[in-house]
PDB file of all heavy atoms in Angstrom:
ATOM      1  N   ALA A   1     146.203  98.723  79.666  1.00  0.00           N
ATOM      2  CA  ALA A   1     145.322  97.839  78.880  1.00  0.00           C
ATOM      3  C   ALA A   1     145.994  96.526  78.504  1.00  0.00           C
ATOM      4  O   ALA A   1     145.321  95.613  77.997  1.00  0.00           O
ATOM      5  CB  ALA A   1     144.872  98.563  77.607  1.00  0.00           C
ATOM      6  N   GLN A   2     147.291  96.403  78.753  1.00  0.00           N
ATOM      7  CA  GLN A   2     147.983  95.159  78.432  1.00  0.00           C
ATOM      8  C   GLN A   2     147.352  93.984  79.187  1.00  0.00           C
ATOM      9  O   GLN A   2     147.139  94.054  80.384  1.00  0.00           O
ATOM     10  CB  GLN A   2     149.467  95.267  78.777  1.00  0.00           C
ATOM     11  CG  GLN A   2     150.221  96.323  77.986  1.00  0.00           C
ATOM     12  CD  GLN A   2     150.357  95.961  76.531  1.00  0.00           C
ATOM     13  OE1 GLN A   2     150.810  94.872  76.171  1.00  0.00           O
ATOM     14  NE2 GLN A   2     149.968  96.874  75.685  1.00  0.00           N
ATOM     15  N   GLY A   3     147.103  92.925  78.469  1.00  0.00           N
ATOM     16  CA  GLY A   3     146.464  91.736  79.067  1.00  0.00           C
ATOM     17  C   GLY A   3     144.980  91.721  78.792  1.00  0.00           C
ATOM     18  O   GLY A   3     144.391  90.656  78.602  1.00  0.00           O
ATOM     19  N   VAL A   4     144.360  92.894  78.790  1.00  0.00           N
ATOM     20  CA  VAL A   4     142.912  92.996  78.488  1.00  0.00           C
ATOM     21  C   VAL A   4     142.693  93.072  76.990  1.00  0.00           C
ATOM     22  O   VAL A   4     141.846  92.368  76.446  1.00  0.00           O
ATOM     23  CB  VAL A   4     142.295  94.232  79.197  1.00  0.00           C
ATOM     24  CG1 VAL A   4     140.837  94.369  78.813  1.00  0.00           C
ATOM     25  CG2 VAL A   4     142.422  94.089  80.710  1.00  0.00           C
ATOM     26  N   LYS A   5     143.460  93.920  76.316  1.00  0.00           N
ATOM     27  CA  LYS A   5     143.244  94.102  74.878  1.00  0.00           C
ATOM     28  C   LYS A   5     143.567  92.829  74.088  1.00  0.00           C
ATOM     29  O   LYS A   5     143.058  92.633  72.977  1.00  0.00           O
ATOM     30  CB  LYS A   5     144.050  95.281  74.353  1.00  0.00           C
ATOM     31  CG  LYS A   5     145.547  95.115  74.356  1.00  0.00           C
ATOM     32  CD  LYS A   5     146.225  96.370  73.859  1.00  0.00           C
ATOM     33  CE  LYS A   5     147.734  96.225  73.746  1.00  0.00           C
ATOM     34  NZ  LYS A   5     148.114  95.228  72.724  1.00  0.00           N
ATOM     35  N   GLU A   6     144.388  91.938  74.672  1.00  0.00           N
ATOM     36  CA  GLU A   6     144.703  90.658  74.022  1.00  0.00           C
ATOM     37  C   GLU A   6     143.693  89.578  74.353  1.00  0.00           C
ATOM     38  O   GLU A   6     143.803  88.444  73.859  1.00  0.00           O
ATOM     39  CB  GLU A   6     146.104  90.176  74.434  1.00  0.00           C
ATOM     40  CG  GLU A   6     147.249  91.083  73.989  1.00  0.00           C
ATOM     41  CD  GLU A   6     147.517  92.220  74.968  1.00  0.00           C
ATOM     42  OE1 GLU A   6     146.788  92.332  75.980  1.00  0.00           O
ATOM     43  OE2 GLU A   6     148.434  93.004  74.707  1.00  0.00           O
ATOM     44  N   GLY A   7     142.713  89.888  75.227  1.00  0.00           N
ATOM     45  CA  GLY A   7     141.716  88.903  75.600  1.00  0.00           C
ATOM     46  C   GLY A   7     142.213  87.865  76.594  1.00  0.00           C
ATOM     47  O   GLY A   7     141.659  86.773  76.720  1.00  0.00           O
ATOM     48  N   LEU A   8     143.258  88.216  77.348  1.00  0.00           N
ATOM     49  CA  LEU A   8     143.812  87.267  78.325  1.00  0.00           C
ATOM     50  C   LEU A   8     143.098  87.345  79.653  1.00  0.00           C
ATOM     51  O   LEU A   8     142.878  86.321  80.319  1.00  0.00           O
ATOM     52  CB  LEU A   8     145.315  87.541  78.506  1.00  0.00           C
ATOM     53  CG  LEU A   8     146.150  87.462  77.214  1.00  0.00           C
ATOM     54  CD1 LEU A   8     147.595  87.854  77.494  1.00  0.00           C
ATOM     55  CD2 LEU A   8     146.075  86.063  76.607  1.00  0.00           C
ATOM     56  N   VAL A   9     142.782  88.556  80.090  1.00  0.00           N
ATOM     57  CA  VAL A   9     142.032  88.780  81.345  1.00  0.00           C
ATOM     58  C   VAL A   9     140.997  89.864  81.098  1.00  0.00           C
ATOM     59  O   VAL A   9     141.106  90.646  80.148  1.00  0.00           O
ATOM     60  CB  VAL A   9     142.960  89.193  82.505  1.00  0.00           C
ATOM     61  CG1 VAL A   9     143.866  88.039  82.947  1.00  0.00           C
ATOM     62  CG2 VAL A   9     143.805  90.413  82.121  1.00  0.00           C
ATOM     63  N   ALA A  10     139.964  89.885  81.948  1.00  0.00           N
ATOM     64  CA  ALA A  10     138.891  90.879  81.780  1.00  0.00           C
ATOM     65  C   ALA A  10     139.225  92.215  82.398  1.00  0.00           C
ATOM     66  O   ALA A  10     138.687  93.236  82.009  1.00  0.00           O
ATOM     67  CB  ALA A  10     137.602  90.314  82.363  1.00  0.00           C
ATOM     68  N   ASP A  11     140.103  92.221  83.390  1.00  0.00           N
ATOM     69  CA  ASP A  11     140.462  93.404  84.134  1.00  0.00           C
ATOM     70  C   ASP A  11     141.973  93.413  84.312  1.00  0.00           C
ATOM     71  O   ASP A  11     142.563  92.363  84.627  1.00  0.00           O
ATOM     72  CB  ASP A  11     139.755  93.393  85.513  1.00  0.00           C
ATOM     73  CG  ASP A  11     139.896  94.681  86.280  1.00  0.00           C
ATOM     74  OD1 ASP A  11     141.045  95.133  86.498  1.00  0.00           O
ATOM     75  OD2 ASP A  11     138.867  95.237  86.716  1.00  0.00           O
ATOM     76  N   PRO A  12     142.652  94.545  84.105  1.00  0.00           N
ATOM     77  CA  PRO A  12     144.099  94.540  84.257  1.00  0.00           C
ATOM     78  C   PRO A  12     144.573  94.102  85.639  1.00  0.00           C
ATOM     79  O   PRO A  12     145.675  93.576  85.783  1.00  0.00           O
ATOM     80  CB  PRO A  12     144.500  96.011  83.970  1.00  0.00           C
ATOM     81  CG  PRO A  12     143.237  96.778  84.030  1.00  0.00           C
ATOM     82  CD  PRO A  12     142.145  95.844  83.678  1.00  0.00           C
ATOM     83  N   ARG A  13     143.728  94.268  86.648  1.00  0.00           N
ATOM     84  CA  ARG A  13     144.092  93.823  88.003  1.00  0.00           C
ATOM     85  C   ARG A  13     144.066  92.311  88.136  1.00  0.00           C
ATOM     86  O   ARG A  13     144.555  91.752  89.135  1.00  0.00           O
ATOM     87  CB  ARG A  13     143.149  94.468  89.017  1.00  0.00           C
ATOM     88  CG  ARG A  13     143.381  95.962  89.210  1.00  0.00           C
ATOM     89  CD  ARG A  13     142.241  96.643  89.905  1.00  0.00           C
ATOM     90  NE  ARG A  13     141.041  96.737  89.056  1.00  0.00           N
ATOM     91  CZ  ARG A  13     139.966  97.438  89.309  1.00  0.00           C
ATOM     92  NH1 ARG A  13     139.912  98.123  90.442  1.00  0.00           N
ATOM     93  NH2 ARG A  13     138.949  97.452  88.483  1.00  0.00           N
ATOM     94  N   ASP A  14     143.508  91.610  87.131  1.00  0.00           N
ATOM     95  CA  ASP A  14     143.441  90.147  87.158  1.00  0.00           C
ATOM     96  C   ASP A  14     144.697  89.505  86.582  1.00  0.00           C
ATOM     97  O   ASP A  14     144.860  88.272  86.682  1.00  0.00           O
ATOM     98  CB  ASP A  14     142.227  89.644  86.349  1.00  0.00           C
ATOM     99  CG  ASP A  14     140.908  90.063  86.950  1.00  0.00           C
ATOM    100  OD1 ASP A  14     140.884  90.349  88.169  1.00  0.00           O
ATOM    101  OD2 ASP A  14     139.911  90.118  86.219  1.00  0.00           O
ATOM    102  N   TRP A  15     145.578  90.305  85.969  1.00  0.00           N
ATOM    103  CA  TRP A  15     146.793  89.712  85.385  1.00  0.00           C
ATOM    104  C   TRP A  15     147.658  89.140  86.492  1.00  0.00           C
ATOM    105  O   TRP A  15     148.000  89.833  87.473  1.00  0.00           O
ATOM    106  CB  TRP A  15     147.576  90.776  84.612  1.00  0.00           C
ATOM    107  CG  TRP A  15     148.811  90.225  83.974  1.00  0.00           C
ATOM    108  CD1 TRP A  15     150.101  90.514  84.309  1.00  0.00           C
ATOM    109  CD2 TRP A  15     148.888  89.291  82.895  1.00  0.00           C
ATOM    110  NE1 TRP A  15     150.963  89.815  83.510  1.00  0.00           N
ATOM    111  CE2 TRP A  15     150.236  89.050  82.620  1.00  0.00           C
ATOM    112  CE3 TRP A  15     147.898  88.630  82.118  1.00  0.00           C
ATOM    113  CZ2 TRP A  15     150.660  88.183  81.632  1.00  0.00           C
ATOM    114  CZ3 TRP A  15     148.324  87.765  81.122  1.00  0.00           C
ATOM    115  CH2 TRP A  15     149.694  87.543  80.892  1.00  0.00           C
ATOM    116  N   PRO A  16     148.022  87.841  86.396  1.00  0.00           N
ATOM    117  CA  PRO A  16     148.754  87.221  87.528  1.00  0.00           C
ATOM    118  C   PRO A  16     150.213  87.608  87.631  1.00  0.00           C
ATOM    119  O   PRO A  16     150.871  87.322  88.643  1.00  0.00           O
ATOM    120  CB  PRO A  16     148.615  85.721  87.208  1.00  0.00           C
ATOM    121  CG  PRO A  16     148.482  85.684  85.713  1.00  0.00           C
ATOM    122  CD  PRO A  16     147.711  86.898  85.333  1.00  0.00           C
ATOM    123  N   GLY A  17     150.755  88.251  86.603  1.00  0.00           N
ATOM    124  CA  GLY A  17     152.154  88.636  86.641  1.00  0.00           C
ATOM    125  C   GLY A  17     152.362  90.063  87.072  1.00  0.00           C
ATOM    126  O   GLY A  17     151.544  90.642  87.804  1.00  0.00           O
ATOM    127  N   VAL A  18     153.452  90.646  86.643  1.00  0.00           N
ATOM    128  CA  VAL A  18     153.809  92.001  87.030  1.00  0.00           C
ATOM    129  C   VAL A  18     152.941  92.997  86.239  1.00  0.00           C
ATOM    130  O   VAL A  18     152.972  93.028  85.007  1.00  0.00           O
ATOM    131  CB  VAL A  18     155.304  92.274  86.751  1.00  0.00           C
ATOM    132  CG1 VAL A  18     155.650  93.712  87.084  1.00  0.00           C
ATOM    133  CG2 VAL A  18     156.166  91.305  87.554  1.00  0.00           C
ATOM    134  N   HIS A  19     152.173  93.791  86.961  1.00  0.00           N
ATOM    135  CA  HIS A  19     151.294  94.798  86.348  1.00  0.00           C
ATOM    136  C   HIS A  19     151.135  95.935  87.337  1.00  0.00           C
ATOM    137  O   HIS A  19     151.023  95.720  88.541  1.00  0.00           O
ATOM    138  CB  HIS A  19     149.933  94.179  86.008  1.00  0.00           C
ATOM    139  CG  HIS A  19     149.190  94.900  84.929  1.00  0.00           C
ATOM    140  ND1 HIS A  19     148.805  96.217  85.032  1.00  0.00           N
ATOM    141  CD2 HIS A  19     148.764  94.486  83.690  1.00  0.00           C
ATOM    142  CE1 HIS A  19     148.170  96.592  83.927  1.00  0.00           C
ATOM    143  NE2 HIS A  19     148.120  95.555  83.101  1.00  0.00           N
ATOM    144  N   CYS A  20     151.081  97.164  86.823  1.00  0.00           N
ATOM    145  CA  CYS A  20     151.045  98.337  87.686  1.00  0.00           C
ATOM    146  C   CYS A  20     149.643  98.767  88.089  1.00  0.00           C
ATOM    147  O   CYS A  20     149.491  99.657  88.922  1.00  0.00           O
ATOM    148  CB  CYS A  20     151.755  99.509  87.027  1.00  0.00           C
ATOM    149  SG  CYS A  20     150.962 100.034  85.448  1.00  0.00           S
ATOM    150  N   ALA A  21     148.587  98.145  87.523  1.00  0.00           N
ATOM    151  CA  ALA A  21     147.237  98.637  87.744  1.00  0.00           C
ATOM    152  C   ALA A  21     146.870  98.679  89.225  1.00  0.00           C
ATOM    153  O   ALA A  21     146.447  99.724  89.744  1.00  0.00           O
ATOM    154  CB  ALA A  21     146.225  97.772  86.978  1.00  0.00           C
ATOM    155  N   ALA A  22     147.001  97.574  89.919  1.00  0.00           N
ATOM    156  CA  ALA A  22     146.619  97.517  91.326  1.00  0.00           C
ATOM    157  C   ALA A  22     147.493  98.449  92.172  1.00  0.00           C
ATOM    158  O   ALA A  22     147.004  99.096  93.113  1.00  0.00           O
ATOM    159  CB  ALA A  22     146.701  96.085  91.846  1.00  0.00           C
ATOM    160  N   ALA A  23     148.780  98.533  91.834  1.00  0.00           N
ATOM    161  CA  ALA A  23     149.681  99.410  92.604  1.00  0.00           C
ATOM    162  C   ALA A  23     149.317 100.870  92.436  1.00  0.00           C
ATOM    163  O   ALA A  23     149.328 101.648  93.403  1.00  0.00           O
ATOM    164  CB  ALA A  23     151.126  99.155  92.159  1.00  0.00           C
ATOM    165  N   LEU A  24     148.957 101.277  91.209  1.00  0.00           N
ATOM    166  CA  LEU A  24     148.592 102.676  90.971  1.00  0.00           C
ATOM    167  C   LEU A  24     147.253 103.023  91.637  1.00  0.00           C
ATOM    168  O   LEU A  24     146.987 104.191  91.919  1.00  0.00           O
ATOM    169  CB  LEU A  24     148.486 102.939  89.468  1.00  0.00           C
ATOM    170  CG  LEU A  24     149.828 102.972  88.730  1.00  0.00           C
ATOM    171  CD1 LEU A  24     149.605 103.123  87.226  1.00  0.00           C
ATOM    172  CD2 LEU A  24     150.733 104.084  89.248  1.00  0.00           C
ATOM    173  N   LEU A  25     146.435 102.019  91.881  1.00  0.00           N
ATOM    174  CA  LEU A  25     145.159 102.235  92.586  1.00  0.00           C
ATOM    175  C   LEU A  25     145.312 102.117  94.102  1.00  0.00           C
ATOM    176  O   LEU A  25     144.345 102.257  94.843  1.00  0.00           O
ATOM    177  CB  LEU A  25     144.114 101.223  92.091  1.00  0.00           C
ATOM    178  CG  LEU A  25     143.646 101.444  90.655  1.00  0.00           C
ATOM    179  CD1 LEU A  25     142.780 100.278  90.183  1.00  0.00           C
ATOM    180  CD2 LEU A  25     142.881 102.762  90.514  1.00  0.00           C
ATOM    181  N   GLY A  26     146.531 101.849  94.564  1.00  0.00           N
ATOM    182  CA  GLY A  26     146.795 101.751  96.015  1.00  0.00           C
ATOM    183  C   GLY A  26     146.380 100.442  96.626  1.00  0.00           C
ATOM    184  O   GLY A  26     146.301 100.331  97.853  1.00  0.00           O
TER     185      GLY A  26
END
């Protein structure tokens, strides 16, 4: 939820930096 709960991006996969969401989804 990091990045989304702060109102920075709408989806964790939209975070432009290092984030595990897309990797965990393959």
